[in-house]
PDB file of N, CA and C in Angstrom:
ATOM      1  N   UNK A   1     -23.312  -0.799   4.654  1.00  0.00           N
ATOM      2  CA  UNK A   1     -21.953  -0.423   4.961  1.00  0.00           C
ATOM      3  C   UNK A   1     -21.138  -0.201   3.694  1.00  0.00           C
ATOM      4  N   UNK A   2     -21.472  -0.939   2.626  1.00  0.00           N
ATOM      5  CA  UNK A   2     -20.728  -0.711   1.384  1.00  0.00           C
ATOM      6  C   UNK A   2     -21.072   0.647   0.780  1.00  0.00           C
ATOM      7  N   UNK A   3     -22.281   1.142   1.032  1.00  0.00           N
ATOM      8  CA  UNK A   3     -22.616   2.487   0.553  1.00  0.00           C
ATOM      9  C   UNK A   3     -21.701   3.520   1.201  1.00  0.00           C
ATOM     10  N   UNK A   4     -21.379   3.328   2.458  1.00  0.00           N
ATOM     11  CA  UNK A   4     -20.557   4.275   3.206  1.00  0.00           C
ATOM     12  C   UNK A   4     -19.059   4.051   2.980  1.00  0.00           C
ATOM     13  N   UNK A   5     -18.628   2.766   2.905  1.00  0.00           N
ATOM     14  CA  UNK A   5     -17.195   2.442   2.904  1.00  0.00           C
ATOM     15  C   UNK A   5     -16.677   1.869   1.591  1.00  0.00           C
ATOM     16  N   UNK A   6     -17.570   1.561   0.650  1.00  0.00           N
ATOM     17  CA  UNK A   6     -17.147   0.912  -0.586  1.00  0.00           C
ATOM     18  C   UNK A   6     -16.994  -0.588  -0.374  1.00  0.00           C
ATOM     19  N   UNK A   7     -16.342  -1.291  -1.319  1.00  0.00           N
ATOM     20  CA  UNK A   7     -16.157  -2.729  -1.176  1.00  0.00           C
ATOM     21  C   UNK A   7     -15.462  -3.060   0.149  1.00  0.00           C
ATOM     22  N   UNK A   8     -15.865  -4.178   0.742  1.00  0.00           N
ATOM     23  CA  UNK A   8     -15.368  -4.559   2.069  1.00  0.00           C
ATOM     24  C   UNK A   8     -14.566  -5.842   2.015  1.00  0.00           C
ATOM     25  N   UNK A   9     -13.865  -6.115   3.096  1.00  0.00           N
ATOM     26  CA  UNK A   9     -13.137  -7.367   3.286  1.00  0.00           C
ATOM     27  C   UNK A   9     -13.232  -7.752   4.759  1.00  0.00           C
ATOM     28  N   UNK A  10     -13.087  -9.026   5.054  1.00  0.00           N
ATOM     29  CA  UNK A  10     -13.011  -9.514   6.432  1.00  0.00           C
ATOM     30  C   UNK A  10     -11.619 -10.066   6.688  1.00  0.00           C
ATOM     31  N   UNK A  11     -11.176  -9.898   7.927  1.00  0.00           N
ATOM     32  CA  UNK A  11      -9.982 -10.589   8.400  1.00  0.00           C
ATOM     33  C   UNK A  11     -10.317 -11.109   9.791  1.00  0.00           C
ATOM     34  N   UNK A  12     -10.152 -12.403   9.976  1.00  0.00           N
ATOM     35  CA  UNK A  12     -10.438 -13.003  11.280  1.00  0.00           C
ATOM     36  C   UNK A  12      -9.398 -12.552  12.281  1.00  0.00           C
ATOM     37  N   UNK A  13      -9.851 -11.851  13.297  1.00  0.00           N
ATOM     38  CA  UNK A  13      -8.954 -11.313  14.298  1.00  0.00           C
ATOM     39  C   UNK A  13      -8.242 -12.432  15.042  1.00  0.00           C
ATOM     40  N   UNK A  14      -6.980 -12.223  15.326  1.00  0.00           N
ATOM     41  CA  UNK A  14      -6.213 -13.154  16.136  1.00  0.00           C
ATOM     42  C   UNK A  14      -5.750 -12.501  17.421  1.00  0.00           C
ATOM     43  N   UNK A  15      -6.295 -11.321  17.703  1.00  0.00           N
ATOM     44  CA  UNK A  15      -5.880 -10.567  18.882  1.00  0.00           C
ATOM     45  C   UNK A  15      -6.447 -11.136  20.165  1.00  0.00           C
ATOM     46  N   UNK A  16      -5.947 -10.628  21.267  1.00  0.00           N
ATOM     47  CA  UNK A  16      -6.356 -11.139  22.570  1.00  0.00           C
ATOM     48  C   UNK A  16      -7.798 -10.792  22.902  1.00  0.00           C
ATOM     49  N   UNK A  17      -8.253  -9.638  22.479  1.00  0.00           N
ATOM     50  CA  UNK A  17      -9.584  -9.177  22.892  1.00  0.00           C
ATOM     51  C   UNK A  17     -10.686  -9.578  21.929  1.00  0.00           C
ATOM     52  N   UNK A  18     -10.383  -9.674  20.656  1.00  0.00           N
ATOM     53  CA  UNK A  18     -11.385  -9.992  19.654  1.00  0.00           C
ATOM     54  C   UNK A  18     -11.025 -11.274  18.912  1.00  0.00           C
ATOM     55  N   UNK A  19     -10.496 -12.247  19.619  1.00  0.00           N
ATOM     56  CA  UNK A  19      -9.980 -13.452  18.993  1.00  0.00           C
ATOM     57  C   UNK A  19     -10.968 -14.224  18.165  1.00  0.00           C
ATOM     58  N   UNK A  20     -12.259 -14.047  18.394  1.00  0.00           N
ATOM     59  CA  UNK A  20     -13.240 -14.754  17.583  1.00  0.00           C
ATOM     60  C   UNK A  20     -14.092 -13.792  16.773  1.00  0.00           C
ATOM     61  N   UNK A  21     -13.654 -12.554  16.646  1.00  0.00           N
ATOM     62  CA  UNK A  21     -14.420 -11.562  15.900  1.00  0.00           C
ATOM     63  C   UNK A  21     -13.855 -11.381  14.509  1.00  0.00           C
ATOM     64  N   UNK A  22     -14.702 -11.545  13.491  1.00  0.00           N
ATOM     65  CA  UNK A  22     -14.229 -11.189  12.159  1.00  0.00           C
ATOM     66  C   UNK A  22     -14.248  -9.671  12.037  1.00  0.00           C
ATOM     67  N   UNK A  23     -13.133  -9.118  11.663  1.00  0.00           N
ATOM     68  CA  UNK A  23     -13.007  -7.675  11.531  1.00  0.00           C
ATOM     69  C   UNK A  23     -13.313  -7.299  10.085  1.00  0.00           C
ATOM     70  N   UNK A  24     -14.139  -6.274   9.911  1.00  0.00           N
ATOM     71  CA  UNK A  24     -14.556  -5.844   8.583  1.00  0.00           C
ATOM     72  C   UNK A  24     -13.925  -4.487   8.274  1.00  0.00           C
ATOM     73  N   UNK A  25     -13.274  -4.404   7.122  1.00  0.00           N
ATOM     74  CA  UNK A  25     -12.560  -3.194   6.717  1.00  0.00           C
ATOM     75  C   UNK A  25     -12.935  -2.843   5.278  1.00  0.00           C
ATOM     76  N   UNK A  26     -12.754  -1.580   4.885  1.00  0.00           N
ATOM     77  CA  UNK A  26     -12.804  -1.291   3.455  1.00  0.00           C
ATOM     78  C   UNK A  26     -11.748  -2.160   2.764  1.00  0.00           C
ATOM     79  N   UNK A  27     -12.107  -2.746   1.649  1.00  0.00           N
ATOM     80  CA  UNK A  27     -11.211  -3.682   0.974  1.00  0.00           C
ATOM     81  C   UNK A  27      -9.858  -3.028   0.720  1.00  0.00           C
ATOM     82  N   UNK A  28      -8.810  -3.669   1.181  1.00  0.00           N
ATOM     83  CA  UNK A  28      -7.450  -3.188   1.021  1.00  0.00           C
ATOM     84  C   UNK A  28      -6.918  -2.375   2.185  1.00  0.00           C
ATOM     85  N   UNK A  29      -7.802  -1.954   3.113  1.00  0.00           N
ATOM     86  CA  UNK A  29      -7.320  -1.185   4.265  1.00  0.00           C
ATOM     87  C   UNK A  29      -6.532  -2.042   5.243  1.00  0.00           C
ATOM     88  N   UNK A  30      -6.840  -3.331   5.313  1.00  0.00           N
ATOM     89  CA  UNK A  30      -6.045  -4.253   6.123  1.00  0.00           C
ATOM     90  C   UNK A  30      -5.101  -4.947   5.151  1.00  0.00           C
ATOM     91  N   UNK A  31      -3.820  -4.705   5.320  1.00  0.00           N
ATOM     92  CA  UNK A  31      -2.846  -5.267   4.392  1.00  0.00           C
ATOM     93  C   UNK A  31      -2.582  -6.735   4.718  1.00  0.00           C
ATOM     94  N   UNK A  32      -2.799  -7.589   3.745  1.00  0.00           N
ATOM     95  CA  UNK A  32      -2.534  -9.014   3.909  1.00  0.00           C
ATOM     96  C   UNK A  32      -1.210  -9.341   3.235  1.00  0.00           C
ATOM     97  N   UNK A  33      -0.646 -10.463   3.641  1.00  0.00           N
ATOM     98  CA  UNK A  33       0.635 -10.869   3.067  1.00  0.00           C
ATOM     99  C   UNK A  33       0.844 -12.355   3.236  1.00  0.00           C
ATOM    100  N   UNK A  34       2.108 -12.767   3.268  1.00  0.00           N
ATOM    101  CA  UNK A  34       2.447 -14.184   3.364  1.00  0.00           C
ATOM    102  C   UNK A  34       1.969 -14.816   4.671  1.00  0.00           C
ATOM    103  N   UNK A  35       1.714 -14.010   5.683  1.00  0.00           N
ATOM    104  CA  UNK A  35       1.267 -14.534   6.979  1.00  0.00           C
ATOM    105  C   UNK A  35      -0.249 -14.736   7.019  1.00  0.00           C
ATOM    106  N   UNK A  36      -0.930 -14.467   5.890  1.00  0.00           N
ATOM    107  CA  UNK A  36      -2.390 -14.587   5.829  1.00  0.00           C
ATOM    108  C   UNK A  36      -2.797 -15.558   4.745  1.00  0.00           C
ATOM    109  N   UNK A  37      -3.986 -16.138   4.925  1.00  0.00           N
ATOM    110  CA  UNK A  37      -4.541 -17.050   3.935  1.00  0.00           C
ATOM    111  C   UNK A  37      -5.931 -16.556   3.550  1.00  0.00           C
ATOM    112  N   UNK A  38      -6.204 -16.568   2.254  1.00  0.00           N
ATOM    113  CA  UNK A  38      -7.515 -16.176   1.736  1.00  0.00           C
ATOM    114  C   UNK A  38      -8.408 -17.414   1.785  1.00  0.00           C
ATOM    115  N   UNK A  39      -9.377 -17.420   2.689  1.00  0.00           N
ATOM    116  CA  UNK A  39     -10.246 -18.592   2.846  1.00  0.00           C
ATOM    117  C   UNK A  39     -11.320 -18.664   1.773  1.00  0.00           C
ATOM    118  N   UNK A  40     -11.709 -17.545   1.240  1.00  0.00           N
ATOM    119  CA  UNK A  40     -12.741 -17.538   0.214  1.00  0.00           C
ATOM    120  C   UNK A  40     -13.425 -16.193   0.154  1.00  0.00           C
ATOM    121  N   UNK A  41     -14.479 -16.151  -0.651  1.00  0.00           N
ATOM    122  CA  UNK A  41     -15.242 -14.927  -0.842  1.00  0.00           C
ATOM    123  C   UNK A  41     -16.693 -15.189  -0.449  1.00  0.00           C
ATOM    124  N   UNK A  42     -17.236 -14.287   0.363  1.00  0.00           N
ATOM    125  CA  UNK A  42     -18.597 -14.442   0.873  1.00  0.00           C
ATOM    126  C   UNK A  42     -19.591 -13.755  -0.050  1.00  0.00           C
ATOM    127  N   UNK A  43     -20.499 -14.523  -0.651  1.00  0.00           N
ATOM    128  CA  UNK A  43     -21.544 -13.873  -1.448  1.00  0.00           C
ATOM    129  C   UNK A  43     -22.545 -13.208  -0.504  1.00  0.00           C
ATOM    130  N   UNK A  44     -22.876 -11.960  -0.783  1.00  0.00           N
ATOM    131  CA  UNK A  44     -23.819 -11.218   0.049  1.00  0.00           C
ATOM    132  C   UNK A  44     -24.933 -10.719  -0.856  1.00  0.00           C
ATOM    133  N   UNK A  45     -26.175 -11.127  -0.583  1.00  0.00           N
ATOM    134  CA  UNK A  45     -27.283 -10.655  -1.421  1.00  0.00           C
ATOM    135  C   UNK A  45     -27.291  -9.122  -1.500  1.00  0.00           C
ATOM    136  N   UNK A  46     -27.446  -8.613  -2.715  1.00  0.00           N
ATOM    137  CA  UNK A  46     -27.500  -7.173  -2.921  1.00  0.00           C
ATOM    138  C   UNK A  46     -26.168  -6.542  -3.269  1.00  0.00           C
ATOM    139  N   UNK A  47     -25.064  -7.273  -3.074  1.00  0.00           N
ATOM    140  CA  UNK A  47     -23.747  -6.734  -3.427  1.00  0.00           C
ATOM    141  C   UNK A  47     -23.318  -7.297  -4.776  1.00  0.00           C
ATOM    142  N   UNK A  48     -22.667  -6.452  -5.566  1.00  0.00           N
ATOM    143  CA  UNK A  48     -22.206  -6.878  -6.886  1.00  0.00           C
ATOM    144  C   UNK A  48     -21.061  -7.868  -6.816  1.00  0.00           C
ATOM    145  N   UNK A  49     -20.235  -7.733  -5.784  1.00  0.00           N
ATOM    146  CA  UNK A  49     -19.078  -8.624  -5.679  1.00  0.00           C
ATOM    147  C   UNK A  49     -19.026  -9.229  -4.287  1.00  0.00           C
ATOM    148  N   UNK A  50     -18.568 -10.469  -4.208  1.00  0.00           N
ATOM    149  CA  UNK A  50     -18.456 -11.099  -2.890  1.00  0.00           C
ATOM    150  C   UNK A  50     -17.404 -10.401  -2.019  1.00  0.00           C
ATOM    151  N   UNK A  51     -17.476 -10.663  -0.728  1.00  0.00           N
ATOM    152  CA  UNK A  51     -16.580 -10.033   0.247  1.00  0.00           C
ATOM    153  C   UNK A  51     -15.462 -11.023   0.589  1.00  0.00           C
ATOM    154  N   UNK A  52     -14.198 -10.681   0.307  1.00  0.00           N
ATOM    155  CA  UNK A  52     -13.097 -11.596   0.614  1.00  0.00           C
ATOM    156  C   UNK A  52     -12.945 -11.803   2.130  1.00  0.00           C
ATOM    157  N   UNK A  53     -12.594 -13.027   2.508  1.00  0.00           N
ATOM    158  CA  UNK A  53     -12.404 -13.377   3.911  1.00  0.00           C
ATOM    159  C   UNK A  53     -11.004 -13.935   4.088  1.00  0.00           C
ATOM    160  N   UNK A  54     -10.238 -13.306   4.974  1.00  0.00           N
ATOM    161  CA  UNK A  54      -8.848 -13.663   5.244  1.00  0.00           C
ATOM    162  C   UNK A  54      -8.671 -14.078   6.701  1.00  0.00           C
ATOM    163  N   UNK A  55      -7.618 -14.821   6.946  1.00  0.00           N
ATOM    164  CA  UNK A  55      -7.257 -15.241   8.304  1.00  0.00           C
ATOM    165  C   UNK A  55      -5.745 -15.421   8.332  1.00  0.00           C
ATOM    166  N   UNK A  56      -5.139 -15.191   9.490  1.00  0.00           N
ATOM    167  CA  UNK A  56      -3.694 -15.439   9.575  1.00  0.00           C
ATOM    168  C   UNK A  56      -3.442 -16.941   9.447  1.00  0.00           C
ATOM    169  N   UNK A  57      -2.309 -17.281   8.887  1.00  0.00           N
ATOM    170  CA  UNK A  57      -1.951 -18.693   8.712  1.00  0.00           C
ATOM    171  C   UNK A  57      -1.912 -19.396  10.071  1.00  0.00           C
ATOM    172  N   UNK A  58      -1.366 -18.735  11.087  1.00  0.00           N
ATOM    173  CA  UNK A  58      -1.296 -19.328  12.427  1.00  0.00           C
ATOM    174  C   UNK A  58      -2.690 -19.587  12.982  1.00  0.00           C
ATOM    175  N   UNK A  59      -3.596 -18.638  12.803  1.00  0.00           N
ATOM    176  CA  UNK A  59      -4.981 -18.804  13.275  1.00  0.00           C
ATOM    177  C   UNK A  59      -5.669 -19.927  12.501  1.00  0.00           C
ATOM    178  N   UNK A  60      -5.386 -20.014  11.202  1.00  0.00           N
ATOM    179  CA  UNK A  60      -5.972 -21.052  10.359  1.00  0.00           C
ATOM    180  C   UNK A  60      -5.628 -22.451  10.875  1.00  0.00           C
ATOM    181  N   UNK A  61      -4.439 -22.637  11.396  1.00  0.00           N
ATOM    182  CA  UNK A  61      -4.055 -23.948  11.921  1.00  0.00           C
ATOM    183  C   UNK A  61      -5.014 -24.406  13.022  1.00  0.00           C
ATOM    184  N   UNK A  62      -5.547 -23.482  13.796  1.00  0.00           N
ATOM    185  CA  UNK A  62      -6.509 -23.826  14.845  1.00  0.00           C
ATOM    186  C   UNK A  62      -7.913 -24.049  14.293  1.00  0.00           C
ATOM    187  N   UNK A  63      -8.260 -23.325  13.243  1.00  0.00           N
ATOM    188  CA  UNK A  63      -9.633 -23.302  12.744  1.00  0.00           C
ATOM    189  C   UNK A  63      -9.866 -24.191  11.526  1.00  0.00           C
ATOM    190  N   UNK A  64      -8.837 -24.760  10.928  1.00  0.00           N
ATOM    191  CA  UNK A  64      -8.996 -25.393   9.618  1.00  0.00           C
ATOM    192  C   UNK A  64      -9.950 -26.584   9.596  1.00  0.00           C
ATOM    193  N   UNK A  65     -10.254 -27.175  10.716  1.00  0.00           N
ATOM    194  CA  UNK A  65     -11.185 -28.307  10.744  1.00  0.00           C
ATOM    195  C   UNK A  65     -12.603 -27.878  11.096  1.00  0.00           C
ATOM    196  N   UNK A  66     -12.860 -26.576  11.028  1.00  0.00           N
ATOM    197  CA  UNK A  66     -14.194 -26.077  11.356  1.00  0.00           C
ATOM    198  C   UNK A  66     -14.840 -25.428  10.145  1.00  0.00           C
ATOM    199  N   UNK A  67     -16.151 -25.501  10.120  1.00  0.00           N
ATOM    200  CA  UNK A  67     -16.961 -24.829   9.120  1.00  0.00           C
ATOM    201  C   UNK A  67     -17.363 -23.506   9.745  1.00  0.00           C
ATOM    202  N   UNK A  68     -17.002 -22.403   9.115  1.00  0.00           N
ATOM    203  CA  UNK A  68     -17.235 -21.080   9.688  1.00  0.00           C
ATOM    204  C   UNK A  68     -18.394 -20.383   8.995  1.00  0.00           C
ATOM    205  N   UNK A  69     -19.212 -19.723   9.784  1.00  0.00           N
ATOM    206  CA  UNK A  69     -20.300 -18.892   9.273  1.00  0.00           C
ATOM    207  C   UNK A  69     -20.127 -17.502   9.859  1.00  0.00           C
ATOM    208  N   UNK A  70     -20.131 -16.489   9.009  1.00  0.00           N
ATOM    209  CA  UNK A  70     -20.097 -15.102   9.474  1.00  0.00           C
ATOM    210  C   UNK A  70     -21.539 -14.666   9.691  1.00  0.00           C
ATOM    211  N   UNK A  71     -21.814 -14.176  10.884  1.00  0.00           N
ATOM    212  CA  UNK A  71     -23.164 -13.747  11.248  1.00  0.00           C
ATOM    213  C   UNK A  71     -23.104 -12.300  11.708  1.00  0.00           C
ATOM    214  N   UNK A  72     -24.227 -11.630  11.658  1.00  0.00           N
ATOM    215  CA  UNK A  72     -24.327 -10.270  12.174  1.00  0.00           C
ATOM    216  C   UNK A  72     -25.453 -10.260  13.204  1.00  0.00           C
ATOM    217  N   UNK A  73     -25.172  -9.696  14.363  1.00  0.00           N
ATOM    218  CA  UNK A  73     -26.124  -9.690  15.469  1.00  0.00           C
ATOM    219  C   UNK A  73     -26.172  -8.290  16.088  1.00  0.00           C
ATOM    220  N   UNK A  74     -27.237  -7.962  16.799  1.00  0.00           N
ATOM    221  CA  UNK A  74     -27.273  -6.676  17.499  1.00  0.00           C
ATOM    222  C   UNK A  74     -26.151  -6.618  18.532  1.00  0.00           C
ATOM    223  N   UNK A  75     -25.599  -5.443  18.720  1.00  0.00           N
ATOM    224  CA  UNK A  75     -24.535  -5.265  19.710  1.00  0.00           C
ATOM    225  C   UNK A  75     -23.528  -4.258  19.224  1.00  0.00           C
ATOM    226  N   UNK A  76     -22.485  -4.125  19.979  1.00  0.00           N
ATOM    227  CA  UNK A  76     -21.433  -3.170  19.645  1.00  0.00           C
ATOM    228  C   UNK A  76     -20.267  -3.909  19.027  1.00  0.00           C
ATOM    229  N   UNK A  77     -19.875  -3.509  17.831  1.00  0.00           N
ATOM    230  CA  UNK A  77     -18.734  -4.111  17.165  1.00  0.00           C
ATOM    231  C   UNK A  77     -17.427  -3.600  17.716  1.00  0.00           C
ATOM    232  N   UNK A  78     -16.336  -4.169  17.242  1.00  0.00           N
ATOM    233  CA  UNK A  78     -15.002  -3.749  17.665  1.00  0.00           C
ATOM    234  C   UNK A  78     -14.705  -2.346  17.144  1.00  0.00           C
ATOM    235  N   UNK A  79     -13.886  -1.624  17.873  1.00  0.00           N
ATOM    236  CA  UNK A  79     -13.540  -0.271  17.486  1.00  0.00           C
ATOM    237  C   UNK A  79     -12.837  -0.153  16.154  1.00  0.00           C
ATOM    238  N   UNK A  80     -12.206  -1.214  15.657  1.00  0.00           N
ATOM    239  CA  UNK A  80     -11.480  -1.149  14.390  1.00  0.00           C
ATOM    240  C   UNK A  80     -12.310  -1.622  13.208  1.00  0.00           C
ATOM    241  N   UNK A  81     -13.440  -2.249  13.460  1.00  0.00           N
ATOM    242  CA  UNK A  81     -14.253  -2.832  12.412  1.00  0.00           C
ATOM    243  C   UNK A  81     -15.339  -1.844  11.994  1.00  0.00           C
ATOM    244  N   UNK A  82     -15.685  -1.810  10.701  1.00  0.00           N
ATOM    245  CA  UNK A  82     -16.571  -0.764  10.185  1.00  0.00           C
ATOM    246  C   UNK A  82     -17.970  -0.778  10.804  1.00  0.00           C
ATOM    247  N   UNK A  83     -18.393  -1.893  11.366  1.00  0.00           N
ATOM    248  CA  UNK A  83     -19.746  -1.942  11.927  1.00  0.00           C
ATOM    249  C   UNK A  83     -19.823  -1.370  13.333  1.00  0.00           C
ATOM    250  N   UNK A  84     -18.698  -1.002  13.925  1.00  0.00           N
ATOM    251  CA  UNK A  84     -18.665  -0.545  15.322  1.00  0.00           C
ATOM    252  C   UNK A  84     -19.717   0.515  15.642  1.00  0.00           C
ATOM    253  N   UNK A  85     -19.898   1.546  14.839  1.00  0.00           N
ATOM    254  CA  UNK A  85     -20.894   2.566  15.194  1.00  0.00           C
ATOM    255  C   UNK A  85     -22.312   2.253  14.722  1.00  0.00           C
ATOM    256  N   UNK A  86     -22.521   1.088  14.126  1.00  0.00           N
ATOM    257  CA  UNK A  86     -23.804   0.774  13.495  1.00  0.00           C
ATOM    258  C   UNK A  86     -24.808   0.060  14.398  1.00  0.00           C
ATOM    259  N   UNK A  87     -24.413  -0.294  15.615  1.00  0.00           N
ATOM    260  CA  UNK A  87     -25.333  -1.004  16.506  1.00  0.00           C
ATOM    261  C   UNK A  87     -25.434  -2.489  16.242  1.00  0.00           C
ATOM    262  N   UNK A  88     -24.511  -3.011  15.446  1.00  0.00           N
ATOM    263  CA  UNK A  88     -24.432  -4.450  15.172  1.00  0.00           C
ATOM    264  C   UNK A  88     -22.975  -4.868  15.297  1.00  0.00           C
ATOM    265  N   UNK A  89     -22.784  -6.184  15.344  1.00  0.00           N
ATOM    266  CA  UNK A  89     -21.414  -6.695  15.329  1.00  0.00           C
ATOM    267  C   UNK A  89     -21.393  -7.987  14.545  1.00  0.00           C
ATOM    268  N   UNK A  90     -20.267  -8.231  13.913  1.00  0.00           N
ATOM    269  CA  UNK A  90     -20.071  -9.495  13.210  1.00  0.00           C
ATOM    270  C   UNK A  90     -19.524 -10.504  14.196  1.00  0.00           C
ATOM    271  N   UNK A  91     -19.905 -11.748  14.000  1.00  0.00           N
ATOM    272  CA  UNK A  91     -19.359 -12.818  14.836  1.00  0.00           C
ATOM    273  C   UNK A  91     -19.218 -14.075  13.996  1.00  0.00           C
ATOM    274  N   UNK A  92     -18.385 -14.973  14.479  1.00  0.00           N
ATOM    275  CA  UNK A  92     -18.165 -16.260  13.818  1.00  0.00           C
ATOM    276  C   UNK A  92     -18.939 -17.332  14.567  1.00  0.00           C
ATOM    277  N   UNK A  93     -19.661 -18.111  13.811  1.00  0.00           N
ATOM    278  CA  UNK A  93     -20.267 -19.332  14.348  1.00  0.00           C
ATOM    279  C   UNK A  93     -19.497 -20.474  13.692  1.00  0.00           C
ATOM    280  N   UNK A  94     -19.191 -21.489  14.469  1.00  0.00           N
ATOM    281  CA  UNK A  94     -18.384 -22.569  13.911  1.00  0.00           C
ATOM    282  C   UNK A  94     -18.896 -23.919  14.378  1.00  0.00           C
ATOM    283  N   UNK A  95     -18.582 -24.897  13.576  1.00  0.00           N
ATOM    284  CA  UNK A  95     -18.831 -26.297  13.926  1.00  0.00           C
ATOM    285  C   UNK A  95     -17.722 -27.120  13.288  1.00  0.00           C
ATOM    286  N   UNK A  96     -17.425 -28.249  13.895  1.00  0.00           N
ATOM    287  CA  UNK A  96     -16.428 -29.136  13.300  1.00  0.00           C
ATOM    288  C   UNK A  96     -16.943 -29.668  11.971  1.00  0.00           C
ATOM    289  N   UNK A  97     -16.055 -29.778  11.026  1.00  0.00           N
ATOM    290  CA  UNK A  97     -16.424 -30.353   9.740  1.00  0.00           C
ATOM    291  C   UNK A  97     -16.691 -31.840   9.894  1.00  0.00           C
ATOM    292  N   UNK A  98     -17.557 -32.348   9.049  1.00  0.00           N
ATOM    293  CA  UNK A  98     -17.763 -33.792   8.994  1.00  0.00           C
ATOM    294  C   UNK A  98     -16.529 -34.417   8.336  1.00  0.00           C
ATOM    295  N   UNK A  99     -16.390 -35.709   8.459  1.00  0.00           N
ATOM    296  CA  UNK A  99     -15.266 -36.396   7.811  1.00  0.00           C
ATOM    297  C   UNK A  99     -15.297 -36.176   6.301  1.00  0.00           C
ATOM    298  N   UNK A 100     -16.498 -36.221   5.714  1.00  0.00           N
ATOM    299  CA  UNK A 100     -16.624 -36.003   4.262  1.00  0.00           C
ATOM    300  C   UNK A 100     -16.186 -34.594   3.878  1.00  0.00           C
ATOM    301  N   UNK A 101     -16.564 -33.590   4.668  1.00  0.00           N
ATOM    302  CA  UNK A 101     -16.151 -32.214   4.378  1.00  0.00           C
ATOM    303  C   UNK A 101     -14.643 -32.065   4.502  1.00  0.00           C
ATOM    304  N   UNK A 102     -14.065 -32.641   5.537  1.00  0.00           N
ATOM    305  CA  UNK A 102     -12.616 -32.548   5.735  1.00  0.00           C
ATOM    306  C   UNK A 102     -11.879 -33.220   4.574  1.00  0.00           C
ATOM    307  N   UNK A 103     -12.382 -34.355   4.087  1.00  0.00           N
ATOM    308  CA  UNK A 103     -11.768 -35.015   2.942  1.00  0.00           C
ATOM    309  C   UNK A 103     -11.897 -34.139   1.696  1.00  0.00           C
ATOM    310  N   UNK A 104     -13.063 -33.537   1.504  1.00  0.00           N
ATOM    311  CA  UNK A 104     -13.297 -32.674   0.338  1.00  0.00           C
ATOM    312  C   UNK A 104     -12.275 -31.538   0.279  1.00  0.00           C
ATOM    313  N   UNK A 105     -11.929 -30.976   1.430  1.00  0.00           N
ATOM    314  CA  UNK A 105     -10.984 -29.867   1.481  1.00  0.00           C
ATOM    315  C   UNK A 105      -9.538 -30.331   1.673  1.00  0.00           C
ATOM    316  N   UNK A 106      -9.312 -31.640   1.604  1.00  0.00           N
ATOM    317  CA  UNK A 106      -7.950 -32.169   1.687  1.00  0.00           C
ATOM    318  C   UNK A 106      -7.311 -32.042   3.054  1.00  0.00           C
ATOM    319  N   UNK A 107      -8.120 -32.090   4.099  1.00  0.00           N
ATOM    320  CA  UNK A 107      -7.596 -31.921   5.449  1.00  0.00           C
ATOM    321  C   UNK A 107      -7.302 -33.241   6.161  1.00  0.00           C
ATOM    322  N   UNK A 108      -7.703 -34.341   5.564  1.00  0.00           N
ATOM    323  CA  UNK A 108      -7.389 -35.666   6.138  1.00  0.00           C
ATOM    324  C   UNK A 108      -6.814 -36.548   5.068  1.00  0.00           C
TER     325      UNK A 108
END
């Protein structure tokens, strides 16, 4: 996808229909601001630079105690995300953080 779209970014959707779908855009096509938080950068084998991952601050309040994994599976992606025509879709897998992980990230 980076060959076709250039550097990419993720933003965790907070919409009604794709509330658990990470949306993938060409980096900078989704404008972030004070209402968003940069959770980190995803290292992807074969890419020169990691892929930034963003989420709205409001959505983060619900998810901050979870460990998130971005996965790609067969299926149809969202119409706004770059993988939509590729026969795959991105999804979030999550689990609650352990007490040690939550302490490490300053959440308790």
